[in-house]
């Protein structure tokens, strides 16, 4: 039934369309017929490949978990931790996923659903954050802190805030935080806070030299 050229297999097309629809509407609100129509296949072919909608949802979950496993692997690569780079999960999402990807939206639903896949993803994200902090500490680019477990959780929570609150942040900031420009803004500010705390003065805004203000 598909007429447009597509390098993906029918199974991959069905999975990807299910991912998009699940992210937009939630898995419970999407039917097999809707998925089949979006993938331009028959409902029977969906059942043939996945057995049921639950089987398809499990395949989508596994696909998203695998994608984040790859991104988390990037975070522990030493080259990412040069002083000018922000080795964060949110930045990895920007690099790894195309613009408009439904994965961040599906991630939100997965983490908030309370299911086994969401808990497994959260565990992996935390382990990745802990490994990233260890790598940065070994490279001399960060200190593990008095409680490395909590520090890794704080770093992870900051990344997840960008992903989970993407739409709300875009509304108040006037820019998608997961766009290239939005991530540059977010990354600059977070690096400043991490490096010098909330009292840090942005570069270039240090003010006049001592005494100059009085002379004017």
N, C-alpha and C. Protein backbone atom coordinates (compact mmCIF):
# COMPACT_ATOMS: atom_id res chain seq x y z
N UNK A 1 0.82 -1.21 0.00
CA UNK A 1 0.00 0.00 0.00
C UNK A 1 0.85 1.26 0.00
N UNK A 2 2.11 1.15 0.41
CA UNK A 2 2.99 2.32 0.44
C UNK A 2 3.52 2.59 -0.95
N UNK A 3 3.41 3.84 -1.39
CA UNK A 3 3.84 4.18 -2.74
C UNK A 3 5.14 4.97 -2.73
N UNK A 4 5.38 5.80 -1.70
CA UNK A 4 6.59 6.63 -1.66
C UNK A 4 7.79 5.77 -1.31
N UNK A 5 8.95 6.04 -1.94
CA UNK A 5 10.16 5.29 -1.60
C UNK A 5 10.52 5.48 -0.14
N UNK A 6 10.92 4.41 0.54
CA UNK A 6 11.26 4.46 1.95
C UNK A 6 12.25 3.34 2.23
N UNK A 7 13.44 3.71 2.75
CA UNK A 7 14.46 2.72 3.02
C UNK A 7 14.13 1.85 4.23
N UNK A 8 13.19 2.29 5.06
CA UNK A 8 12.85 1.52 6.24
C UNK A 8 11.98 0.32 5.87
N UNK A 9 12.06 -0.72 6.70
CA UNK A 9 11.17 -1.86 6.53
C UNK A 9 9.76 -1.46 6.97
N UNK A 10 8.77 -2.26 6.56
CA UNK A 10 7.40 -1.98 6.98
C UNK A 10 7.29 -1.99 8.50
N UNK A 11 8.01 -2.91 9.15
CA UNK A 11 7.99 -2.98 10.61
C UNK A 11 8.50 -1.67 11.23
N UNK A 12 9.59 -1.13 10.68
CA UNK A 12 10.15 0.11 11.20
C UNK A 12 9.22 1.28 10.95
N UNK A 13 8.58 1.32 9.80
CA UNK A 13 7.63 2.40 9.50
C UNK A 13 6.47 2.37 10.49
N UNK A 14 5.93 1.19 10.73
CA UNK A 14 4.82 1.05 11.69
C UNK A 14 5.25 1.50 13.07
N UNK A 15 6.42 1.05 13.50
CA UNK A 15 6.93 1.42 14.83
C UNK A 15 7.11 2.93 14.94
N UNK A 16 7.67 3.54 13.91
CA UNK A 16 7.94 4.98 13.96
C UNK A 16 6.64 5.80 13.96
N UNK A 17 5.65 5.35 13.19
CA UNK A 17 4.37 6.06 13.19
C UNK A 17 3.66 5.88 14.52
N UNK A 18 3.78 4.70 15.11
CA UNK A 18 3.20 4.47 16.42
C UNK A 18 3.87 5.38 17.46
N UNK A 19 5.17 5.51 17.37
CA UNK A 19 5.91 6.39 18.28
C UNK A 19 5.40 7.82 18.17
N UNK A 20 5.21 8.28 16.94
CA UNK A 20 4.74 9.66 16.73
C UNK A 20 3.34 9.85 17.31
N UNK A 21 2.45 8.92 17.02
CA UNK A 21 1.07 9.03 17.50
C UNK A 21 0.98 8.87 19.01
N UNK A 22 1.76 7.94 19.56
CA UNK A 22 1.77 7.76 21.01
C UNK A 22 2.27 9.03 21.71
N UNK A 23 3.29 9.66 21.13
CA UNK A 23 3.83 10.89 21.73
C UNK A 23 2.81 12.02 21.69
N UNK A 24 2.06 12.10 20.59
CA UNK A 24 1.10 13.19 20.42
C UNK A 24 -0.16 13.01 21.26
N UNK A 25 -0.65 11.77 21.34
CA UNK A 25 -1.97 11.55 21.92
C UNK A 25 -1.97 10.63 23.13
N UNK A 26 -0.89 9.93 23.38
CA UNK A 26 -0.86 8.93 24.43
C UNK A 26 -1.25 7.58 23.87
N UNK A 27 -0.59 6.51 24.29
CA UNK A 27 -0.86 5.18 23.72
C UNK A 27 -2.31 4.73 23.86
N UNK A 28 -2.96 5.06 24.96
CA UNK A 28 -4.33 4.59 25.18
C UNK A 28 -5.33 5.21 24.22
N UNK A 29 -5.00 6.39 23.69
CA UNK A 29 -5.94 7.10 22.81
C UNK A 29 -5.76 6.73 21.33
N UNK A 30 -4.76 5.90 21.02
CA UNK A 30 -4.44 5.58 19.62
C UNK A 30 -4.85 4.14 19.33
N UNK A 31 -5.50 3.93 18.19
CA UNK A 31 -5.94 2.59 17.81
C UNK A 31 -5.00 1.99 16.78
N UNK A 32 -5.11 0.67 16.63
CA UNK A 32 -4.31 -0.03 15.62
C UNK A 32 -4.66 0.49 14.22
N UNK A 33 -5.93 0.78 13.98
CA UNK A 33 -6.34 1.29 12.68
C UNK A 33 -5.69 2.65 12.38
N UNK A 34 -5.61 3.50 13.38
CA UNK A 34 -4.98 4.81 13.18
C UNK A 34 -3.49 4.65 12.87
N UNK A 35 -2.85 3.74 13.56
CA UNK A 35 -1.43 3.49 13.30
C UNK A 35 -1.25 2.94 11.90
N UNK A 36 -2.09 2.00 11.52
CA UNK A 36 -2.00 1.41 10.18
C UNK A 36 -2.21 2.47 9.11
N UNK A 37 -3.18 3.35 9.32
CA UNK A 37 -3.44 4.40 8.33
C UNK A 37 -2.24 5.34 8.21
N UNK A 38 -1.64 5.70 9.34
CA UNK A 38 -0.48 6.59 9.30
C UNK A 38 0.70 5.93 8.61
N UNK A 39 0.84 4.62 8.78
CA UNK A 39 1.95 3.88 8.16
C UNK A 39 1.63 3.44 6.74
N UNK A 40 0.39 3.65 6.32
CA UNK A 40 -0.08 3.25 4.99
C UNK A 40 0.06 1.74 4.78
N UNK A 41 -0.36 1.00 5.80
CA UNK A 41 -0.41 -0.46 5.71
C UNK A 41 -1.77 -0.90 6.24
N UNK A 42 -2.04 -2.19 6.16
CA UNK A 42 -3.29 -2.71 6.68
C UNK A 42 -3.18 -2.98 8.17
N UNK A 43 -4.29 -2.90 8.92
CA UNK A 43 -4.25 -3.26 10.34
C UNK A 43 -3.73 -4.68 10.55
N UNK A 44 -4.05 -5.56 9.60
CA UNK A 44 -3.57 -6.94 9.71
C UNK A 44 -2.06 -7.03 9.71
N UNK A 45 -1.41 -6.16 8.93
CA UNK A 45 0.05 -6.19 8.89
C UNK A 45 0.65 -5.72 10.22
N UNK A 46 -0.01 -4.76 10.86
CA UNK A 46 0.44 -4.31 12.18
C UNK A 46 0.40 -5.48 13.16
N UNK A 47 -0.71 -6.23 13.16
CA UNK A 47 -0.85 -7.38 14.05
C UNK A 47 0.14 -8.47 13.67
N UNK A 48 0.36 -8.64 12.37
CA UNK A 48 1.31 -9.66 11.91
C UNK A 48 2.71 -9.39 12.47
N UNK A 49 3.13 -8.15 12.48
CA UNK A 49 4.49 -7.81 12.93
C UNK A 49 4.61 -7.76 14.45
N UNK A 50 3.55 -7.31 15.13
CA UNK A 50 3.69 -7.02 16.57
C UNK A 50 2.74 -7.82 17.47
N UNK A 51 1.81 -8.54 16.89
CA UNK A 51 0.92 -9.38 17.68
C UNK A 51 -0.28 -8.65 18.24
N UNK A 52 -0.09 -7.44 18.73
CA UNK A 52 -1.16 -6.65 19.33
C UNK A 52 -0.66 -5.22 19.51
N UNK A 53 -1.55 -4.33 19.93
CA UNK A 53 -1.10 -2.96 20.21
C UNK A 53 -0.14 -2.95 21.38
N UNK A 54 -0.37 -3.79 22.36
CA UNK A 54 0.55 -3.88 23.49
C UNK A 54 1.94 -4.32 23.03
N UNK A 55 1.98 -5.26 22.10
CA UNK A 55 3.26 -5.69 21.55
C UNK A 55 3.96 -4.58 20.80
N UNK A 56 3.17 -3.78 20.07
CA UNK A 56 3.73 -2.64 19.35
C UNK A 56 4.25 -1.60 20.34
N UNK A 57 3.52 -1.37 21.42
CA UNK A 57 3.98 -0.41 22.42
C UNK A 57 5.29 -0.88 23.06
N UNK A 58 5.40 -2.16 23.32
CA UNK A 58 6.66 -2.70 23.87
C UNK A 58 7.81 -2.49 22.90
N UNK A 59 7.54 -2.65 21.60
CA UNK A 59 8.58 -2.44 20.59
C UNK A 59 9.00 -0.97 20.55
N UNK A 60 8.02 -0.07 20.66
CA UNK A 60 8.34 1.36 20.69
C UNK A 60 9.17 1.70 21.92
N UNK A 61 8.77 1.16 23.08
CA UNK A 61 9.53 1.39 24.31
C UNK A 61 10.97 0.91 24.16
N UNK A 62 11.13 -0.29 23.61
CA UNK A 62 12.48 -0.85 23.44
C UNK A 62 13.31 0.01 22.50
N UNK A 63 12.67 0.53 21.45
CA UNK A 63 13.37 1.38 20.49
C UNK A 63 13.84 2.67 21.14
N UNK A 64 12.97 3.29 21.95
CA UNK A 64 13.34 4.54 22.64
C UNK A 64 14.44 4.28 23.66
N UNK A 65 14.35 3.18 24.39
CA UNK A 65 15.39 2.83 25.36
C UNK A 65 16.73 2.65 24.66
N UNK A 66 16.72 2.00 23.50
CA UNK A 66 17.96 1.79 22.75
C UNK A 66 18.55 3.11 22.27
N UNK A 67 17.70 4.01 21.82
CA UNK A 67 18.17 5.32 21.36
C UNK A 67 18.83 6.09 22.49
N UNK A 68 18.19 6.08 23.66
CA UNK A 68 18.78 6.80 24.78
C UNK A 68 20.03 6.10 25.30
N UNK A 69 20.09 4.78 25.12
CA UNK A 69 21.33 4.09 25.47
C UNK A 69 22.49 4.58 24.63
N UNK A 70 22.25 4.83 23.35
CA UNK A 70 23.28 5.37 22.47
C UNK A 70 23.68 6.78 22.89
N UNK A 71 22.68 7.60 23.20
CA UNK A 71 22.98 8.98 23.60
C UNK A 71 23.73 9.02 24.92
N UNK A 72 23.36 8.15 25.85
CA UNK A 72 24.06 8.12 27.13
C UNK A 72 25.49 7.66 26.94
N UNK A 73 25.72 6.78 25.96
CA UNK A 73 27.09 6.36 25.66
C UNK A 73 27.94 7.53 25.22
N UNK A 74 27.33 8.48 24.48
CA UNK A 74 28.06 9.66 24.05
C UNK A 74 28.51 10.51 25.23
N UNK A 75 27.71 10.53 26.28
CA UNK A 75 28.01 11.39 27.42
C UNK A 75 29.25 10.95 28.18
N UNK A 76 29.64 9.70 28.04
CA UNK A 76 30.82 9.21 28.74
C UNK A 76 32.04 9.19 27.84
N UNK A 77 31.93 9.79 26.65
CA UNK A 77 33.08 9.90 25.75
C UNK A 77 33.93 11.10 26.17
N UNK A 78 35.20 10.89 26.51
CA UNK A 78 36.01 12.00 27.02
C UNK A 78 36.05 13.22 26.13
N UNK A 79 36.00 13.06 24.80
CA UNK A 79 36.10 14.20 23.90
C UNK A 79 34.97 15.20 24.11
N UNK A 80 33.85 14.75 24.66
CA UNK A 80 32.74 15.67 24.86
C UNK A 80 32.98 16.61 26.03
N UNK A 81 33.97 16.31 26.83
CA UNK A 81 34.16 17.08 28.05
C UNK A 81 35.34 18.04 27.95
N UNK A 82 35.36 18.80 26.88
CA UNK A 82 36.33 19.88 26.81
C UNK A 82 35.71 21.10 27.48
N UNK A 83 36.51 22.06 27.90
CA UNK A 83 35.96 23.18 28.65
C UNK A 83 34.88 23.97 27.93
N UNK A 84 34.85 23.91 26.62
CA UNK A 84 33.85 24.69 25.89
C UNK A 84 32.60 23.93 25.56
N UNK A 85 32.50 22.69 25.99
CA UNK A 85 31.34 21.88 25.64
C UNK A 85 30.52 21.56 26.88
N UNK A 86 29.20 21.49 26.70
CA UNK A 86 28.32 21.10 27.79
C UNK A 86 27.86 19.67 27.52
N UNK A 87 28.47 18.72 28.17
CA UNK A 87 28.14 17.32 27.95
C UNK A 87 26.89 16.94 28.70
N UNK A 88 25.73 17.28 28.17
CA UNK A 88 24.48 17.03 28.85
C UNK A 88 23.58 16.15 27.99
N UNK A 89 22.61 15.52 28.64
CA UNK A 89 21.66 14.71 27.92
C UNK A 89 20.87 15.56 26.93
N UNK A 90 20.46 16.75 27.35
CA UNK A 90 19.70 17.62 26.46
C UNK A 90 20.49 17.96 25.20
N UNK A 91 21.79 18.23 25.36
CA UNK A 91 22.63 18.52 24.18
C UNK A 91 22.75 17.29 23.30
N UNK A 92 22.85 16.11 23.91
CA UNK A 92 22.93 14.88 23.13
C UNK A 92 21.65 14.69 22.32
N UNK A 93 20.50 15.04 22.91
CA UNK A 93 19.24 14.93 22.20
C UNK A 93 19.24 15.84 20.97
N UNK A 94 19.74 17.07 21.12
CA UNK A 94 19.80 18.00 20.00
C UNK A 94 20.70 17.46 18.90
N UNK A 95 21.85 16.89 19.28
CA UNK A 95 22.78 16.36 18.28
C UNK A 95 22.24 15.11 17.60
N UNK A 96 21.59 14.26 18.36
CA UNK A 96 21.26 12.92 17.88
C UNK A 96 19.93 12.86 17.14
N UNK A 97 18.96 13.66 17.57
CA UNK A 97 17.61 13.57 17.01
C UNK A 97 17.36 14.70 16.02
N UNK A 98 16.61 14.42 14.96
CA UNK A 98 16.27 15.48 14.01
C UNK A 98 15.28 16.45 14.61
N UNK A 99 15.23 17.65 14.07
CA UNK A 99 14.26 18.64 14.54
C UNK A 99 12.85 18.09 14.37
N UNK A 100 12.02 18.30 15.35
CA UNK A 100 10.64 17.82 15.28
C UNK A 100 10.48 16.36 15.65
N UNK A 101 11.53 15.72 16.16
CA UNK A 101 11.43 14.32 16.55
C UNK A 101 10.39 14.15 17.66
N UNK A 102 9.58 13.07 17.58
CA UNK A 102 8.59 12.83 18.63
C UNK A 102 9.19 12.20 19.89
N UNK A 103 10.48 11.86 19.84
CA UNK A 103 11.09 11.13 20.96
C UNK A 103 11.03 11.90 22.27
N UNK A 104 11.37 13.21 22.32
CA UNK A 104 11.25 13.92 23.59
C UNK A 104 9.84 13.89 24.17
N UNK A 105 8.83 14.02 23.31
CA UNK A 105 7.45 13.95 23.77
C UNK A 105 7.10 12.57 24.30
N UNK A 106 7.62 11.55 23.63
CA UNK A 106 7.35 10.18 24.11
C UNK A 106 8.09 9.93 25.41
N UNK A 107 9.30 10.49 25.52
CA UNK A 107 10.06 10.36 26.76
C UNK A 107 9.24 10.90 27.93
N UNK A 108 8.60 12.05 27.73
CA UNK A 108 7.78 12.64 28.79
C UNK A 108 6.70 11.67 29.25
N UNK A 109 5.99 11.09 28.28
CA UNK A 109 4.92 10.16 28.63
C UNK A 109 5.48 8.90 29.29
N UNK A 110 6.63 8.44 28.80
CA UNK A 110 7.22 7.21 29.33
C UNK A 110 7.63 7.40 30.79
N UNK A 111 8.26 8.53 31.10
CA UNK A 111 8.73 8.76 32.46
C UNK A 111 7.59 9.01 33.43
N UNK A 112 6.52 9.63 32.96
CA UNK A 112 5.41 9.98 33.85
C UNK A 112 4.36 8.88 33.95
N UNK A 113 4.49 7.83 33.14
CA UNK A 113 3.48 6.77 33.13
C UNK A 113 3.56 5.86 34.34
N UNK A 114 4.76 5.76 34.95
CA UNK A 114 4.93 4.88 36.09
C UNK A 114 5.10 3.42 35.72
N UNK A 115 5.22 3.11 34.43
CA UNK A 115 5.37 1.73 33.99
C UNK A 115 6.80 1.24 34.11
N UNK A 116 6.98 -0.05 33.81
CA UNK A 116 8.31 -0.66 33.91
C UNK A 116 9.31 0.00 32.96
N UNK A 117 8.86 0.31 31.74
CA UNK A 117 9.77 0.93 30.76
C UNK A 117 10.22 2.30 31.23
N UNK A 118 9.30 3.07 31.82
CA UNK A 118 9.66 4.39 32.33
C UNK A 118 10.66 4.29 33.47
N UNK A 119 10.44 3.33 34.36
CA UNK A 119 11.38 3.16 35.48
C UNK A 119 12.75 2.70 34.99
N UNK A 120 12.75 1.82 33.98
CA UNK A 120 14.03 1.36 33.43
C UNK A 120 14.76 2.51 32.76
N UNK A 121 14.03 3.35 32.02
CA UNK A 121 14.67 4.49 31.37
C UNK A 121 15.24 5.44 32.41
N UNK A 122 14.49 5.71 33.47
CA UNK A 122 14.97 6.61 34.52
C UNK A 122 16.25 6.06 35.15
N UNK A 123 16.26 4.75 35.40
CA UNK A 123 17.45 4.12 35.98
C UNK A 123 18.66 4.28 35.05
N UNK A 124 18.42 4.09 33.75
CA UNK A 124 19.52 4.24 32.78
C UNK A 124 20.00 5.69 32.72
N UNK A 125 19.06 6.62 32.75
CA UNK A 125 19.44 8.03 32.70
C UNK A 125 20.28 8.39 33.92
N UNK A 126 19.90 7.89 35.08
CA UNK A 126 20.68 8.18 36.27
C UNK A 126 22.06 7.55 36.19
N UNK A 127 22.13 6.31 35.75
CA UNK A 127 23.43 5.65 35.62
C UNK A 127 24.32 6.41 34.63
N UNK A 128 23.71 6.92 33.53
CA UNK A 128 24.47 7.70 32.58
C UNK A 128 24.98 8.99 33.17
N UNK A 129 24.14 9.65 33.98
CA UNK A 129 24.56 10.89 34.63
C UNK A 129 25.69 10.62 35.61
N UNK A 130 25.61 9.53 36.33
CA UNK A 130 26.67 9.19 37.29
C UNK A 130 27.97 8.89 36.55
N UNK A 131 27.88 8.14 35.45
CA UNK A 131 29.07 7.83 34.67
C UNK A 131 29.67 9.09 34.05
N UNK A 132 28.81 10.01 33.59
CA UNK A 132 29.30 11.26 33.01
C UNK A 132 30.03 12.10 34.05
N UNK A 133 29.47 12.17 35.27
CA UNK A 133 30.13 12.92 36.34
C UNK A 133 31.48 12.30 36.69
N UNK A 134 31.54 10.98 36.73
CA UNK A 134 32.80 10.30 37.01
C UNK A 134 33.84 10.61 35.93
N UNK A 135 33.39 10.60 34.65
CA UNK A 135 34.31 10.89 33.55
C UNK A 135 34.82 12.32 33.62
N UNK A 136 33.95 13.26 33.95
CA UNK A 136 34.35 14.65 34.06
C UNK A 136 35.30 14.85 35.24
N UNK A 137 35.04 14.14 36.33
CA UNK A 137 35.92 14.25 37.50
C UNK A 137 37.31 13.72 37.18
N UNK A 138 37.36 12.59 36.49
CA UNK A 138 38.65 12.00 36.12
C UNK A 138 39.43 12.91 35.18
N UNK A 139 38.71 13.65 34.34
CA UNK A 139 39.36 14.56 33.39
C UNK A 139 39.71 15.91 34.02
N UNK A 140 39.37 16.09 35.29
CA UNK A 140 39.66 17.34 35.97
C UNK A 140 38.73 18.47 35.60
N UNK A 141 37.55 18.17 35.04
CA UNK A 141 36.62 19.19 34.61
C UNK A 141 35.45 19.38 35.56
N UNK A 142 35.40 18.56 36.60
CA UNK A 142 34.34 18.68 37.60
C UNK A 142 34.81 18.00 38.87
N UNK A 143 34.21 18.39 39.98
CA UNK A 143 34.48 17.73 41.26
C UNK A 143 33.29 16.84 41.58
N UNK A 144 33.53 15.66 42.14
CA UNK A 144 32.42 14.75 42.44
C UNK A 144 31.52 15.25 43.56
N UNK A 145 32.01 16.19 44.38
CA UNK A 145 31.22 16.70 45.48
C UNK A 145 31.23 15.79 46.68
N UNK A 146 30.65 16.27 47.76
CA UNK A 146 30.60 15.47 48.98
C UNK A 146 29.67 14.29 48.83
N UNK A 147 28.69 14.39 47.96
CA UNK A 147 27.73 13.31 47.73
C UNK A 147 27.55 13.13 46.23
N UNK A 148 28.43 12.36 45.57
CA UNK A 148 28.35 12.21 44.11
C UNK A 148 27.01 11.69 43.62
N UNK A 149 26.35 10.85 44.42
CA UNK A 149 25.05 10.30 43.99
C UNK A 149 24.03 11.42 43.84
N UNK A 150 24.00 12.33 44.80
CA UNK A 150 23.06 13.45 44.73
C UNK A 150 23.46 14.42 43.63
N UNK A 151 24.76 14.68 43.50
CA UNK A 151 25.21 15.61 42.46
C UNK A 151 24.82 15.09 41.08
N UNK A 152 25.01 13.79 40.84
CA UNK A 152 24.62 13.21 39.55
C UNK A 152 23.12 13.32 39.34
N UNK A 153 22.34 13.15 40.41
CA UNK A 153 20.88 13.26 40.30
C UNK A 153 20.47 14.69 39.98
N UNK A 154 21.16 15.68 40.56
CA UNK A 154 20.85 17.08 40.27
C UNK A 154 21.13 17.41 38.81
N UNK A 155 22.27 16.96 38.31
CA UNK A 155 22.61 17.22 36.91
C UNK A 155 21.59 16.57 35.99
N UNK A 156 21.19 15.33 36.32
CA UNK A 156 20.20 14.63 35.51
C UNK A 156 18.86 15.36 35.55
N UNK A 157 18.47 15.82 36.74
CA UNK A 157 17.19 16.50 36.88
C UNK A 157 17.14 17.78 36.05
N UNK A 158 18.26 18.49 35.97
CA UNK A 158 18.30 19.70 35.14
C UNK A 158 18.07 19.34 33.67
N UNK A 159 18.71 18.28 33.21
CA UNK A 159 18.52 17.85 31.82
C UNK A 159 17.08 17.43 31.57
N UNK A 160 16.52 16.67 32.50
CA UNK A 160 15.15 16.19 32.31
C UNK A 160 14.16 17.35 32.33
N UNK A 161 14.45 18.39 33.09
CA UNK A 161 13.55 19.55 33.12
C UNK A 161 13.40 20.15 31.73
N UNK A 162 14.50 20.22 30.99
CA UNK A 162 14.44 20.77 29.63
C UNK A 162 13.57 19.89 28.74
N UNK A 163 13.71 18.57 28.90
CA UNK A 163 12.97 17.64 28.06
C UNK A 163 11.50 17.56 28.45
N UNK A 164 11.23 17.51 29.74
CA UNK A 164 9.86 17.32 30.20
C UNK A 164 9.04 18.60 30.14
N UNK A 165 9.71 19.75 30.29
CA UNK A 165 9.01 21.04 30.30
C UNK A 165 9.29 21.83 29.02
N UNK A 166 9.60 21.14 27.98
CA UNK A 166 10.01 21.80 26.73
C UNK A 166 8.99 22.83 26.25
N UNK A 167 7.72 22.45 26.18
CA UNK A 167 6.71 23.37 25.65
C UNK A 167 6.53 24.58 26.55
N UNK A 168 6.51 24.36 27.85
CA UNK A 168 6.34 25.47 28.79
C UNK A 168 7.54 26.41 28.75
N UNK A 169 8.75 25.85 28.66
CA UNK A 169 9.95 26.69 28.58
C UNK A 169 9.96 27.49 27.28
N UNK A 170 9.56 26.86 26.19
CA UNK A 170 9.52 27.57 24.90
C UNK A 170 8.57 28.76 24.97
N UNK A 171 7.47 28.58 25.68
CA UNK A 171 6.47 29.67 25.79
C UNK A 171 7.03 30.86 26.56
N UNK A 172 7.70 30.61 27.68
CA UNK A 172 8.18 31.74 28.49
C UNK A 172 9.50 32.32 27.98
N UNK A 173 10.30 31.50 27.31
CA UNK A 173 11.58 31.99 26.79
C UNK A 173 11.49 32.52 25.37
N UNK A 174 10.41 32.19 24.68
CA UNK A 174 10.26 32.63 23.31
C UNK A 174 11.11 31.85 22.32
N UNK A 175 11.60 30.69 22.75
CA UNK A 175 12.47 29.88 21.88
C UNK A 175 12.47 28.44 22.38
N UNK A 176 12.42 27.51 21.45
CA UNK A 176 12.46 26.09 21.81
C UNK A 176 13.80 25.78 22.46
N UNK A 177 13.82 25.32 23.72
CA UNK A 177 15.10 25.05 24.38
C UNK A 177 15.86 23.89 23.75
N UNK A 178 15.19 23.06 22.93
CA UNK A 178 15.87 21.96 22.27
C UNK A 178 16.27 22.29 20.84
N UNK A 179 16.07 23.54 20.43
CA UNK A 179 16.62 23.96 19.14
C UNK A 179 18.10 24.28 19.34
N UNK A 180 18.84 24.41 18.27
CA UNK A 180 20.26 24.72 18.38
C UNK A 180 20.48 26.04 19.11
N UNK A 181 19.72 27.07 18.71
CA UNK A 181 19.87 28.37 19.36
C UNK A 181 19.41 28.32 20.81
N UNK A 182 18.30 27.63 21.06
CA UNK A 182 17.79 27.54 22.42
C UNK A 182 18.74 26.79 23.34
N UNK A 183 19.35 25.73 22.84
CA UNK A 183 20.29 24.98 23.65
C UNK A 183 21.56 25.78 23.91
N UNK A 184 21.96 26.61 22.95
CA UNK A 184 23.12 27.47 23.17
C UNK A 184 22.85 28.44 24.32
N UNK A 185 21.66 29.04 24.33
CA UNK A 185 21.29 29.95 25.42
C UNK A 185 21.28 29.21 26.76
N UNK A 186 20.63 28.07 26.77
CA UNK A 186 20.50 27.29 28.01
C UNK A 186 21.87 26.83 28.49
N UNK A 187 22.67 26.32 27.56
CA UNK A 187 23.99 25.80 27.93
C UNK A 187 24.91 26.86 28.50
N UNK A 188 24.90 28.07 27.88
CA UNK A 188 25.76 29.15 28.38
C UNK A 188 25.42 29.51 29.82
N UNK A 189 24.14 29.63 30.09
CA UNK A 189 23.73 30.04 31.43
C UNK A 189 24.02 28.94 32.46
N UNK A 190 23.75 27.69 32.07
CA UNK A 190 24.01 26.60 33.01
C UNK A 190 25.49 26.46 33.30
N UNK A 191 26.33 26.62 32.28
CA UNK A 191 27.77 26.53 32.50
C UNK A 191 28.23 27.63 33.44
N UNK A 192 27.68 28.83 33.30
CA UNK A 192 28.04 29.94 34.18
C UNK A 192 27.64 29.63 35.63
N UNK A 193 26.44 29.11 35.80
CA UNK A 193 25.97 28.77 37.15
C UNK A 193 26.81 27.65 37.74
N UNK A 194 27.06 26.61 36.95
CA UNK A 194 27.85 25.49 37.46
C UNK A 194 29.27 25.94 37.82
N UNK A 195 29.83 26.85 37.02
CA UNK A 195 31.22 27.24 37.24
C UNK A 195 31.39 28.22 38.40
N UNK A 196 30.44 29.14 38.58
CA UNK A 196 30.65 30.20 39.55
C UNK A 196 29.45 30.48 40.45
N UNK A 197 28.37 29.73 40.32
CA UNK A 197 27.23 29.94 41.19
C UNK A 197 26.28 31.02 40.69
N UNK A 198 25.21 31.25 41.44
CA UNK A 198 24.19 32.20 41.03
C UNK A 198 24.66 33.65 41.10
N UNK A 199 25.76 33.91 41.78
CA UNK A 199 26.29 35.26 41.86
C UNK A 199 27.25 35.58 40.72
N UNK A 200 27.43 34.63 39.79
CA UNK A 200 28.37 34.84 38.70
C UNK A 200 27.91 35.99 37.80
N UNK A 201 28.87 36.79 37.34
CA UNK A 201 28.60 37.88 36.39
C UNK A 201 28.88 37.36 34.99
N UNK A 202 27.95 37.49 34.04
CA UNK A 202 28.19 37.01 32.68
C UNK A 202 29.42 37.67 32.07
N UNK A 203 30.19 36.94 31.26
CA UNK A 203 31.35 37.53 30.59
C UNK A 203 30.96 38.76 29.78
N UNK A 204 31.75 39.84 29.92
CA UNK A 204 31.47 41.07 29.19
C UNK A 204 30.59 42.04 29.95
N UNK A 205 30.03 41.58 31.10
CA UNK A 205 29.16 42.45 31.89
C UNK A 205 29.75 42.73 33.26
N UNK A 206 31.07 42.72 33.33
CA UNK A 206 31.71 42.87 34.63
C UNK A 206 31.58 44.27 35.21
N UNK A 207 31.23 45.26 34.37
CA UNK A 207 31.10 46.63 34.85
C UNK A 207 32.40 47.39 34.68
N UNK A 208 32.41 48.71 35.00
CA UNK A 208 33.60 49.54 34.81
C UNK A 208 34.68 49.18 35.83
N UNK A 209 35.93 49.48 35.51
CA UNK A 209 37.01 49.25 36.46
C UNK A 209 36.77 50.04 37.74
N UNK A 210 37.44 49.64 38.81
CA UNK A 210 37.31 50.32 40.11
C UNK A 210 37.54 51.81 39.97
N UNK A 211 36.61 52.61 40.46
CA UNK A 211 36.79 54.06 40.44
C UNK A 211 36.22 54.74 39.23
N UNK A 212 36.04 53.96 38.12
CA UNK A 212 35.58 54.61 36.90
C UNK A 212 34.16 55.09 37.05
N UNK A 213 33.35 54.30 37.79
CA UNK A 213 31.95 54.70 37.96
C UNK A 213 31.83 56.04 38.67
N UNK A 214 32.72 56.30 39.65
CA UNK A 214 32.64 57.56 40.38
C UNK A 214 33.06 58.73 39.52
N UNK A 215 33.94 58.50 38.50
CA UNK A 215 34.45 59.61 37.69
C UNK A 215 33.43 60.09 36.68
N UNK A 216 32.41 59.24 36.40
CA UNK A 216 31.44 59.62 35.36
C UNK A 216 30.34 60.49 35.95
